[in-house]
PDB file of all heavy atoms in Angstrom:
ATOM      1  N   TRP A   1     -14.958  -8.881   2.106  1.00  0.00           N
ATOM      2  CA  TRP A   1     -15.318  -8.100   0.927  1.00  0.00           C
ATOM      3  C   TRP A   1     -14.236  -7.075   0.586  1.00  0.00           C
ATOM      4  O   TRP A   1     -13.987  -6.804  -0.586  1.00  0.00           O
ATOM      5  CB  TRP A   1     -16.675  -7.437   1.128  1.00  0.00           C
ATOM      6  CG  TRP A   1     -17.786  -8.455   1.070  1.00  0.00           C
ATOM      7  CD1 TRP A   1     -17.690  -9.749   0.635  1.00  0.00           C
ATOM      8  CD2 TRP A   1     -19.133  -8.281   1.467  1.00  0.00           C
ATOM      9  NE1 TRP A   1     -18.910 -10.380   0.751  1.00  0.00           N
ATOM     10  CE2 TRP A   1     -19.814  -9.498   1.256  1.00  0.00           C
ATOM     11  CE3 TRP A   1     -19.837  -7.221   2.003  1.00  0.00           C
ATOM     12  CZ2 TRP A   1     -21.145  -9.677   1.546  1.00  0.00           C
ATOM     13  CZ3 TRP A   1     -21.178  -7.393   2.286  1.00  0.00           C
ATOM     14  CH2 TRP A   1     -21.826  -8.604   2.057  1.00  0.00           C
ATOM     15  N   LYS A   2     -13.595  -6.552   1.599  1.00  0.00           N
ATOM     16  CA  LYS A   2     -12.506  -5.601   1.350  1.00  0.00           C
ATOM     17  C   LYS A   2     -11.367  -6.301   0.609  1.00  0.00           C
ATOM     18  O   LYS A   2     -10.815  -5.781  -0.353  1.00  0.00           O
ATOM     19  CB  LYS A   2     -12.013  -5.015   2.672  1.00  0.00           C
ATOM     20  CG  LYS A   2     -11.054  -3.867   2.508  1.00  0.00           C
ATOM     21  CD  LYS A   2     -10.762  -3.218   3.842  1.00  0.00           C
ATOM     22  CE  LYS A   2      -9.942  -1.981   3.657  1.00  0.00           C
ATOM     23  NZ  LYS A   2      -9.730  -1.263   4.913  1.00  0.00           N
ATOM     24  N   LEU A   3     -11.025  -7.501   1.055  1.00  0.00           N
ATOM     25  CA  LEU A   3      -9.980  -8.267   0.380  1.00  0.00           C
ATOM     26  C   LEU A   3     -10.390  -8.573  -1.052  1.00  0.00           C
ATOM     27  O   LEU A   3      -9.586  -8.449  -1.971  1.00  0.00           O
ATOM     28  CB  LEU A   3      -9.678  -9.565   1.136  1.00  0.00           C
ATOM     29  CG  LEU A   3      -8.664 -10.481   0.446  1.00  0.00           C
ATOM     30  CD1 LEU A   3      -7.281  -9.841   0.419  1.00  0.00           C
ATOM     31  CD2 LEU A   3      -8.605 -11.824   1.132  1.00  0.00           C
ATOM     32  N   LYS A   4     -11.631  -8.981  -1.260  1.00  0.00           N
ATOM     33  CA  LYS A   4     -12.116  -9.287  -2.613  1.00  0.00           C
ATOM     34  C   LYS A   4     -11.976  -8.068  -3.527  1.00  0.00           C
ATOM     35  O   LYS A   4     -11.583  -8.212  -4.690  1.00  0.00           O
ATOM     36  CB  LYS A   4     -13.566  -9.751  -2.569  1.00  0.00           C
ATOM     37  CG  LYS A   4     -13.789 -11.083  -1.887  1.00  0.00           C
ATOM     38  CD  LYS A   4     -13.365 -12.231  -2.738  1.00  0.00           C
ATOM     39  CE  LYS A   4     -14.509 -12.647  -3.628  1.00  0.00           C
ATOM     40  NZ  LYS A   4     -14.240 -13.849  -4.370  1.00  0.00           N
ATOM     41  N   GLN A   5     -12.268  -6.869  -3.005  1.00  0.00           N
ATOM     42  CA  GLN A   5     -12.115  -5.652  -3.804  1.00  0.00           C
ATOM     43  C   GLN A   5     -10.656  -5.445  -4.193  1.00  0.00           C
ATOM     44  O   GLN A   5     -10.355  -5.102  -5.329  1.00  0.00           O
ATOM     45  CB  GLN A   5     -12.605  -4.428  -3.031  1.00  0.00           C
ATOM     46  CG  GLN A   5     -14.093  -4.341  -2.897  1.00  0.00           C
ATOM     47  CD  GLN A   5     -14.502  -3.177  -2.013  1.00  0.00           C
ATOM     48  OE1 GLN A   5     -13.741  -2.741  -1.143  1.00  0.00           O
ATOM     49  NE2 GLN A   5     -15.703  -2.675  -2.230  1.00  0.00           N
ATOM     50  N   HIS A   6      -9.764  -5.657  -3.247  1.00  0.00           N
ATOM     51  CA  HIS A   6      -8.340  -5.467  -3.525  1.00  0.00           C
ATOM     52  C   HIS A   6      -7.810  -6.504  -4.506  1.00  0.00           C
ATOM     53  O   HIS A   6      -6.881  -6.221  -5.266  1.00  0.00           O
ATOM     54  CB  HIS A   6      -7.520  -5.504  -2.233  1.00  0.00           C
ATOM     55  CG  HIS A   6      -7.802  -4.360  -1.310  1.00  0.00           C
ATOM     56  ND1 HIS A   6      -7.990  -3.072  -1.716  1.00  0.00           N
ATOM     57  CD2 HIS A   6      -7.936  -4.332   0.036  1.00  0.00           C
ATOM     58  CE1 HIS A   6      -8.218  -2.286  -0.687  1.00  0.00           C
ATOM     59  NE2 HIS A   6      -8.204  -3.030   0.395  1.00  0.00           N
ATOM     60  N   LEU A   7      -8.386  -7.680  -4.506  1.00  0.00           N
ATOM     61  CA  LEU A   7      -7.933  -8.725  -5.419  1.00  0.00           C
ATOM     62  C   LEU A   7      -8.318  -8.444  -6.870  1.00  0.00           C
ATOM     63  O   LEU A   7      -7.752  -9.032  -7.786  1.00  0.00           O
ATOM     64  CB  LEU A   7      -8.485 -10.089  -4.987  1.00  0.00           C
ATOM     65  CG  LEU A   7      -7.871 -10.672  -3.712  1.00  0.00           C
ATOM     66  CD1 LEU A   7      -8.572 -11.972  -3.335  1.00  0.00           C
ATOM     67  CD2 LEU A   7      -6.382 -10.889  -3.879  1.00  0.00           C
ATOM     68  N   ALA A   8      -9.264  -7.531  -7.075  1.00  0.00           N
ATOM     69  CA  ALA A   8      -9.668  -7.183  -8.436  1.00  0.00           C
ATOM     70  C   ALA A   8      -8.511  -6.522  -9.185  1.00  0.00           C
ATOM     71  O   ALA A   8      -8.386  -6.681 -10.401  1.00  0.00           O
ATOM     72  CB  ALA A   8     -10.883  -6.264  -8.409  1.00  0.00           C
ATOM     73  N   ASN A   9      -7.678  -5.779  -8.474  1.00  0.00           N
ATOM     74  CA  ASN A   9      -6.521  -5.123  -9.085  1.00  0.00           C
ATOM     75  C   ASN A   9      -5.408  -5.017  -8.047  1.00  0.00           C
ATOM     76  O   ASN A   9      -5.151  -3.930  -7.519  1.00  0.00           O
ATOM     77  CB  ASN A   9      -6.918  -3.747  -9.617  1.00  0.00           C
ATOM     78  CG  ASN A   9      -5.935  -3.239 -10.641  1.00  0.00           C
ATOM     79  OD1 ASN A   9      -4.790  -3.693 -10.692  1.00  0.00           O
ATOM     80  ND2 ASN A   9      -6.359  -2.305 -11.455  1.00  0.00           N
ATOM     81  N   PRO A  10      -4.745  -6.123  -7.748  1.00  0.00           N
ATOM     82  CA  PRO A  10      -3.768  -6.119  -6.648  1.00  0.00           C
ATOM     83  C   PRO A  10      -2.565  -5.217  -6.893  1.00  0.00           C
ATOM     84  O   PRO A  10      -2.024  -4.661  -5.946  1.00  0.00           O
ATOM     85  CB  PRO A  10      -3.351  -7.584  -6.527  1.00  0.00           C
ATOM     86  CG  PRO A  10      -3.712  -8.204  -7.831  1.00  0.00           C
ATOM     87  CD  PRO A  10      -4.871  -7.432  -8.371  1.00  0.00           C
ATOM     88  N   GLY A  11      -2.167  -5.035  -8.130  1.00  0.00           N
ATOM     89  CA  GLY A  11      -1.016  -4.183  -8.412  1.00  0.00           C
ATOM     90  C   GLY A  11      -1.257  -2.751  -7.976  1.00  0.00           C
ATOM     91  O   GLY A  11      -0.384  -2.109  -7.385  1.00  0.00           O
ATOM     92  N   VAL A  12      -2.450  -2.236  -8.237  1.00  0.00           N
ATOM     93  CA  VAL A  12      -2.797  -0.880  -7.821  1.00  0.00           C
ATOM     94  C   VAL A  12      -2.768  -0.778  -6.311  1.00  0.00           C
ATOM     95  O   VAL A  12      -2.195   0.159  -5.741  1.00  0.00           O
ATOM     96  CB  VAL A  12      -4.186  -0.472  -8.381  1.00  0.00           C
ATOM     97  CG1 VAL A  12      -4.676   0.823  -7.736  1.00  0.00           C
ATOM     98  CG2 VAL A  12      -4.131  -0.337  -9.885  1.00  0.00           C
ATOM     99  N   ARG A  13      -3.361  -1.737  -5.642  1.00  0.00           N
ATOM    100  CA  ARG A  13      -3.394  -1.745  -4.174  1.00  0.00           C
ATOM    101  C   ARG A  13      -1.977  -1.796  -3.601  1.00  0.00           C
ATOM    102  O   ARG A  13      -1.645  -1.084  -2.660  1.00  0.00           O
ATOM    103  CB  ARG A  13      -4.228  -2.932  -3.678  1.00  0.00           C
ATOM    104  CG  ARG A  13      -4.185  -3.152  -2.198  1.00  0.00           C
ATOM    105  CD  ARG A  13      -4.825  -2.028  -1.437  1.00  0.00           C
ATOM    106  NE  ARG A  13      -4.776  -2.342  -0.019  1.00  0.00           N
ATOM    107  CZ  ARG A  13      -4.759  -1.437   0.920  1.00  0.00           C
ATOM    108  NH1 ARG A  13      -4.835  -0.169   0.635  1.00  0.00           N
ATOM    109  NH2 ARG A  13      -4.692  -1.804   2.182  1.00  0.00           N
ATOM    110  N   GLN A  14      -1.136  -2.640  -4.172  1.00  0.00           N
ATOM    111  CA  GLN A  14       0.231  -2.770  -3.666  1.00  0.00           C
ATOM    112  C   GLN A  14       1.029  -1.490  -3.868  1.00  0.00           C
ATOM    113  O   GLN A  14       1.777  -1.079  -2.984  1.00  0.00           O
ATOM    114  CB  GLN A  14       0.916  -3.958  -4.329  1.00  0.00           C
ATOM    115  CG  GLN A  14       0.361  -5.278  -3.867  1.00  0.00           C
ATOM    116  CD  GLN A  14       0.926  -6.451  -4.641  1.00  0.00           C
ATOM    117  OE1 GLN A  14       1.527  -6.306  -5.689  1.00  0.00           O
ATOM    118  NE2 GLN A  14       0.717  -7.646  -4.101  1.00  0.00           N
ATOM    119  N   ARG A  15       0.868  -0.838  -5.030  1.00  0.00           N
ATOM    120  CA  ARG A  15       1.589   0.414  -5.268  1.00  0.00           C
ATOM    121  C   ARG A  15       1.137   1.504  -4.286  1.00  0.00           C
ATOM    122  O   ARG A  15       1.970   2.253  -3.763  1.00  0.00           O
ATOM    123  CB  ARG A  15       1.410   0.865  -6.718  1.00  0.00           C
ATOM    124  CG  ARG A  15       2.269   0.070  -7.698  1.00  0.00           C
ATOM    125  CD  ARG A  15       2.223   0.659  -9.099  1.00  0.00           C
ATOM    126  NE  ARG A  15       0.920   0.530  -9.729  1.00  0.00           N
ATOM    127  CZ  ARG A  15       0.485  -0.574 -10.352  1.00  0.00           C
ATOM    128  NH1 ARG A  15       1.254  -1.637 -10.413  1.00  0.00           N
ATOM    129  NH2 ARG A  15      -0.707  -0.590 -10.912  1.00  0.00           N
ATOM    130  N   ARG A  16      -0.170   1.598  -4.063  1.00  0.00           N
ATOM    131  CA  ARG A  16      -0.684   2.596  -3.110  1.00  0.00           C
ATOM    132  C   ARG A  16      -0.182   2.325  -1.696  1.00  0.00           C
ATOM    133  O   ARG A  16       0.192   3.240  -0.964  1.00  0.00           O
ATOM    134  CB  ARG A  16      -2.212   2.598  -3.112  1.00  0.00           C
ATOM    135  CG  ARG A  16      -2.813   3.245  -4.326  1.00  0.00           C
ATOM    136  CD  ARG A  16      -4.324   3.233  -4.238  1.00  0.00           C
ATOM    137  NE  ARG A  16      -4.896   3.682  -5.481  1.00  0.00           N
ATOM    138  CZ  ARG A  16      -6.104   3.366  -5.898  1.00  0.00           C
ATOM    139  NH1 ARG A  16      -6.890   2.592  -5.157  1.00  0.00           N
ATOM    140  NH2 ARG A  16      -6.569   3.823  -7.037  1.00  0.00           N
ATOM    141  N   LEU A  17      -0.184   1.069  -1.316  1.00  0.00           N
ATOM    142  CA  LEU A  17       0.269   0.702   0.023  1.00  0.00           C
ATOM    143  C   LEU A  17       1.753   1.006   0.193  1.00  0.00           C
ATOM    144  O   LEU A  17       2.167   1.582   1.203  1.00  0.00           O
ATOM    145  CB  LEU A  17      -0.008  -0.781   0.287  1.00  0.00           C
ATOM    146  CG  LEU A  17       0.423  -1.325   1.642  1.00  0.00           C
ATOM    147  CD1 LEU A  17      -0.267  -0.587   2.780  1.00  0.00           C
ATOM    148  CD2 LEU A  17       0.127  -2.815   1.715  1.00  0.00           C
ATOM    149  N   LEU A  18       2.563   0.661  -0.798  1.00  0.00           N
ATOM    150  CA  LEU A  18       4.002   0.956  -0.723  1.00  0.00           C
ATOM    151  C   LEU A  18       4.220   2.454  -0.605  1.00  0.00           C
ATOM    152  O   LEU A  18       4.996   2.909   0.250  1.00  0.00           O
ATOM    153  CB  LEU A  18       4.728   0.401  -1.947  1.00  0.00           C
ATOM    154  CG  LEU A  18       6.231   0.709  -2.003  1.00  0.00           C
ATOM    155  CD1 LEU A  18       6.969   0.083  -0.826  1.00  0.00           C
ATOM    156  CD2 LEU A  18       6.823   0.232  -3.328  1.00  0.00           C
ATOM    157  N   LYS A  19       3.522   3.238  -1.418  1.00  0.00           N
ATOM    158  CA  LYS A  19       3.679   4.692  -1.364  1.00  0.00           C
ATOM    159  C   LYS A  19       3.307   5.238   0.012  1.00  0.00           C
ATOM    160  O   LYS A  19       4.025   6.061   0.576  1.00  0.00           O
ATOM    161  CB  LYS A  19       2.823   5.344  -2.449  1.00  0.00           C
ATOM    162  CG  LYS A  19       3.003   6.823  -2.540  1.00  0.00           C
ATOM    163  CD  LYS A  19       2.209   7.403  -3.707  1.00  0.00           C
ATOM    164  CE  LYS A  19       2.444   8.885  -3.824  1.00  0.00           C
ATOM    165  NZ  LYS A  19       1.786   9.468  -4.986  1.00  0.00           N
ATOM    166  N   ARG A  20       2.187   4.767   0.546  1.00  0.00           N
ATOM    167  CA  ARG A  20       1.736   5.230   1.867  1.00  0.00           C
ATOM    168  C   ARG A  20       2.750   4.869   2.947  1.00  0.00           C
ATOM    169  O   ARG A  20       3.100   5.683   3.808  1.00  0.00           O
ATOM    170  CB  ARG A  20       0.369   4.644   2.207  1.00  0.00           C
ATOM    171  CG  ARG A  20      -0.161   5.113   3.552  1.00  0.00           C
ATOM    172  CD  ARG A  20      -1.574   4.637   3.820  1.00  0.00           C
ATOM    173  NE  ARG A  20      -1.790   3.215   3.696  1.00  0.00           N
ATOM    174  CZ  ARG A  20      -1.507   2.309   4.628  1.00  0.00           C
ATOM    175  NH1 ARG A  20      -0.976   2.684   5.780  1.00  0.00           N
ATOM    176  NH2 ARG A  20      -1.747   1.031   4.434  1.00  0.00           N
ATOM    177  N   LEU A  21       3.254   3.634   2.923  1.00  0.00           N
ATOM    178  CA  LEU A  21       4.214   3.194   3.932  1.00  0.00           C
ATOM    179  C   LEU A  21       5.533   3.960   3.832  1.00  0.00           C
ATOM    180  O   LEU A  21       6.123   4.338   4.849  1.00  0.00           O
ATOM    181  CB  LEU A  21       4.458   1.690   3.823  1.00  0.00           C
ATOM    182  CG  LEU A  21       3.291   0.801   4.222  1.00  0.00           C
ATOM    183  CD1 LEU A  21       3.571  -0.655   3.866  1.00  0.00           C
ATOM    184  CD2 LEU A  21       2.982   0.939   5.702  1.00  0.00           C
ATOM    185  N   LEU A  22       5.990   4.197   2.619  1.00  0.00           N
ATOM    186  CA  LEU A  22       7.232   4.944   2.438  1.00  0.00           C
ATOM    187  C   LEU A  22       7.082   6.384   2.919  1.00  0.00           C
ATOM    188  O   LEU A  22       7.959   6.910   3.612  1.00  0.00           O
ATOM    189  CB  LEU A  22       7.654   4.919   0.972  1.00  0.00           C
ATOM    190  CG  LEU A  22       8.138   3.573   0.448  1.00  0.00           C
ATOM    191  CD1 LEU A  22       8.294   3.618  -1.060  1.00  0.00           C
ATOM    192  CD2 LEU A  22       9.434   3.149   1.118  1.00  0.00           C
ATOM    193  N   GLN A  23       5.972   7.022   2.560  1.00  0.00           N
ATOM    194  CA  GLN A  23       5.756   8.403   2.996  1.00  0.00           C
ATOM    195  C   GLN A  23       5.642   8.509   4.510  1.00  0.00           C
ATOM    196  O   GLN A  23       6.245   9.393   5.114  1.00  0.00           O
ATOM    197  CB  GLN A  23       4.485   8.965   2.345  1.00  0.00           C
ATOM    198  CG  GLN A  23       4.645   9.264   0.878  1.00  0.00           C
ATOM    199  CD  GLN A  23       3.346   9.697   0.221  1.00  0.00           C
ATOM    200  OE1 GLN A  23       2.259   9.530   0.761  1.00  0.00           O
ATOM    201  NE2 GLN A  23       3.455  10.256  -0.977  1.00  0.00           N
ATOM    202  N   SER A  24       4.879   7.621   5.100  1.00  0.00           N
ATOM    203  CA  SER A  24       4.655   7.742   6.543  1.00  0.00           C
ATOM    204  C   SER A  24       5.885   7.347   7.362  1.00  0.00           C
ATOM    205  O   SER A  24       6.018   7.783   8.509  1.00  0.00           O
ATOM    206  CB  SER A  24       3.439   6.927   6.977  1.00  0.00           C
ATOM    207  OG  SER A  24       3.656   5.554   6.784  1.00  0.00           O
ATOM    208  N   ASN A  25       6.783   6.582   6.787  1.00  0.00           N
ATOM    209  CA  ASN A  25       7.950   6.122   7.550  1.00  0.00           C
ATOM    210  C   ASN A  25       9.268   6.723   7.071  1.00  0.00           C
ATOM    211  O   ASN A  25      10.337   6.294   7.506  1.00  0.00           O
ATOM    212  CB  ASN A  25       8.014   4.590   7.518  1.00  0.00           C
ATOM    213  CG  ASN A  25       6.864   3.993   8.289  1.00  0.00           C
ATOM    214  OD1 ASN A  25       6.738   4.210   9.489  1.00  0.00           O
ATOM    215  ND2 ASN A  25       6.000   3.271   7.600  1.00  0.00           N
ATOM    216  N   ALA A  26       9.200   7.735   6.208  1.00  0.00           N
ATOM    217  CA  ALA A  26      10.428   8.351   5.683  1.00  0.00           C
ATOM    218  C   ALA A  26      11.271   8.986   6.792  1.00  0.00           C
ATOM    219  O   ALA A  26      12.498   9.028   6.682  1.00  0.00           O
ATOM    220  CB  ALA A  26      10.071   9.392   4.619  1.00  0.00           C
ATOM    221  N   GLY A  27      10.630   9.451   7.857  1.00  0.00           N
ATOM    222  CA  GLY A  27      11.368  10.110   8.936  1.00  0.00           C
ATOM    223  C   GLY A  27      11.884   9.189  10.018  1.00  0.00           C
ATOM    224  O   GLY A  27      12.501   9.647  10.970  1.00  0.00           O
ATOM    225  N   THR A  28      11.667   7.900   9.869  1.00  0.00           N
ATOM    226  CA  THR A  28      12.171   6.955  10.872  1.00  0.00           C
ATOM    227  C   THR A  28      13.665   6.710  10.658  1.00  0.00           C
ATOM    228  O   THR A  28      14.219   7.050   9.616  1.00  0.00           O
ATOM    229  CB  THR A  28      11.429   5.608  10.772  1.00  0.00           C
ATOM    230  OG1 THR A  28      11.723   5.006   9.506  1.00  0.00           O
ATOM    231  CG2 THR A  28       9.921   5.781  10.933  1.00  0.00           C
ATOM    232  N   VAL A  29      14.288   6.115  11.645  1.00  0.00           N
ATOM    233  CA  VAL A  29      15.709   5.770  11.523  1.00  0.00           C
ATOM    234  C   VAL A  29      15.913   4.875  10.298  1.00  0.00           C
ATOM    235  O   VAL A  29      16.788   5.110   9.469  1.00  0.00           O
ATOM    236  CB  VAL A  29      16.206   5.060  12.814  1.00  0.00           C
ATOM    237  CG1 VAL A  29      17.611   4.523  12.628  1.00  0.00           C
ATOM    238  CG2 VAL A  29      16.124   6.003  14.002  1.00  0.00           C
ATOM    239  N   PHE A  30      15.067   3.859  10.168  1.00  0.00           N
ATOM    240  CA  PHE A  30      15.167   2.918   9.049  1.00  0.00           C
ATOM    241  C   PHE A  30      14.894   3.621   7.725  1.00  0.00           C
ATOM    242  O   PHE A  30      15.608   3.427   6.741  1.00  0.00           O
ATOM    243  CB  PHE A  30      14.194   1.760   9.275  1.00  0.00           C
ATOM    244  CG  PHE A  30      14.421   0.570   8.385  1.00  0.00           C
ATOM    245  CD1 PHE A  30      15.367  -0.374   8.700  1.00  0.00           C
ATOM    246  CD2 PHE A  30      13.654   0.382   7.238  1.00  0.00           C
ATOM    247  CE1 PHE A  30      15.577  -1.488   7.898  1.00  0.00           C
ATOM    248  CE2 PHE A  30      13.849  -0.723   6.433  1.00  0.00           C
ATOM    249  CZ  PHE A  30      14.817  -1.657   6.752  1.00  0.00           C
TER     250      PHE A  30
END
């Protein structure tokens, strides 16, 4: 059901996920 919710608007989910990953990993070597 969680996946089904995300499939309703995948672009929004992908943008949020990218933002979260970039913020949380900005201090890594990579």
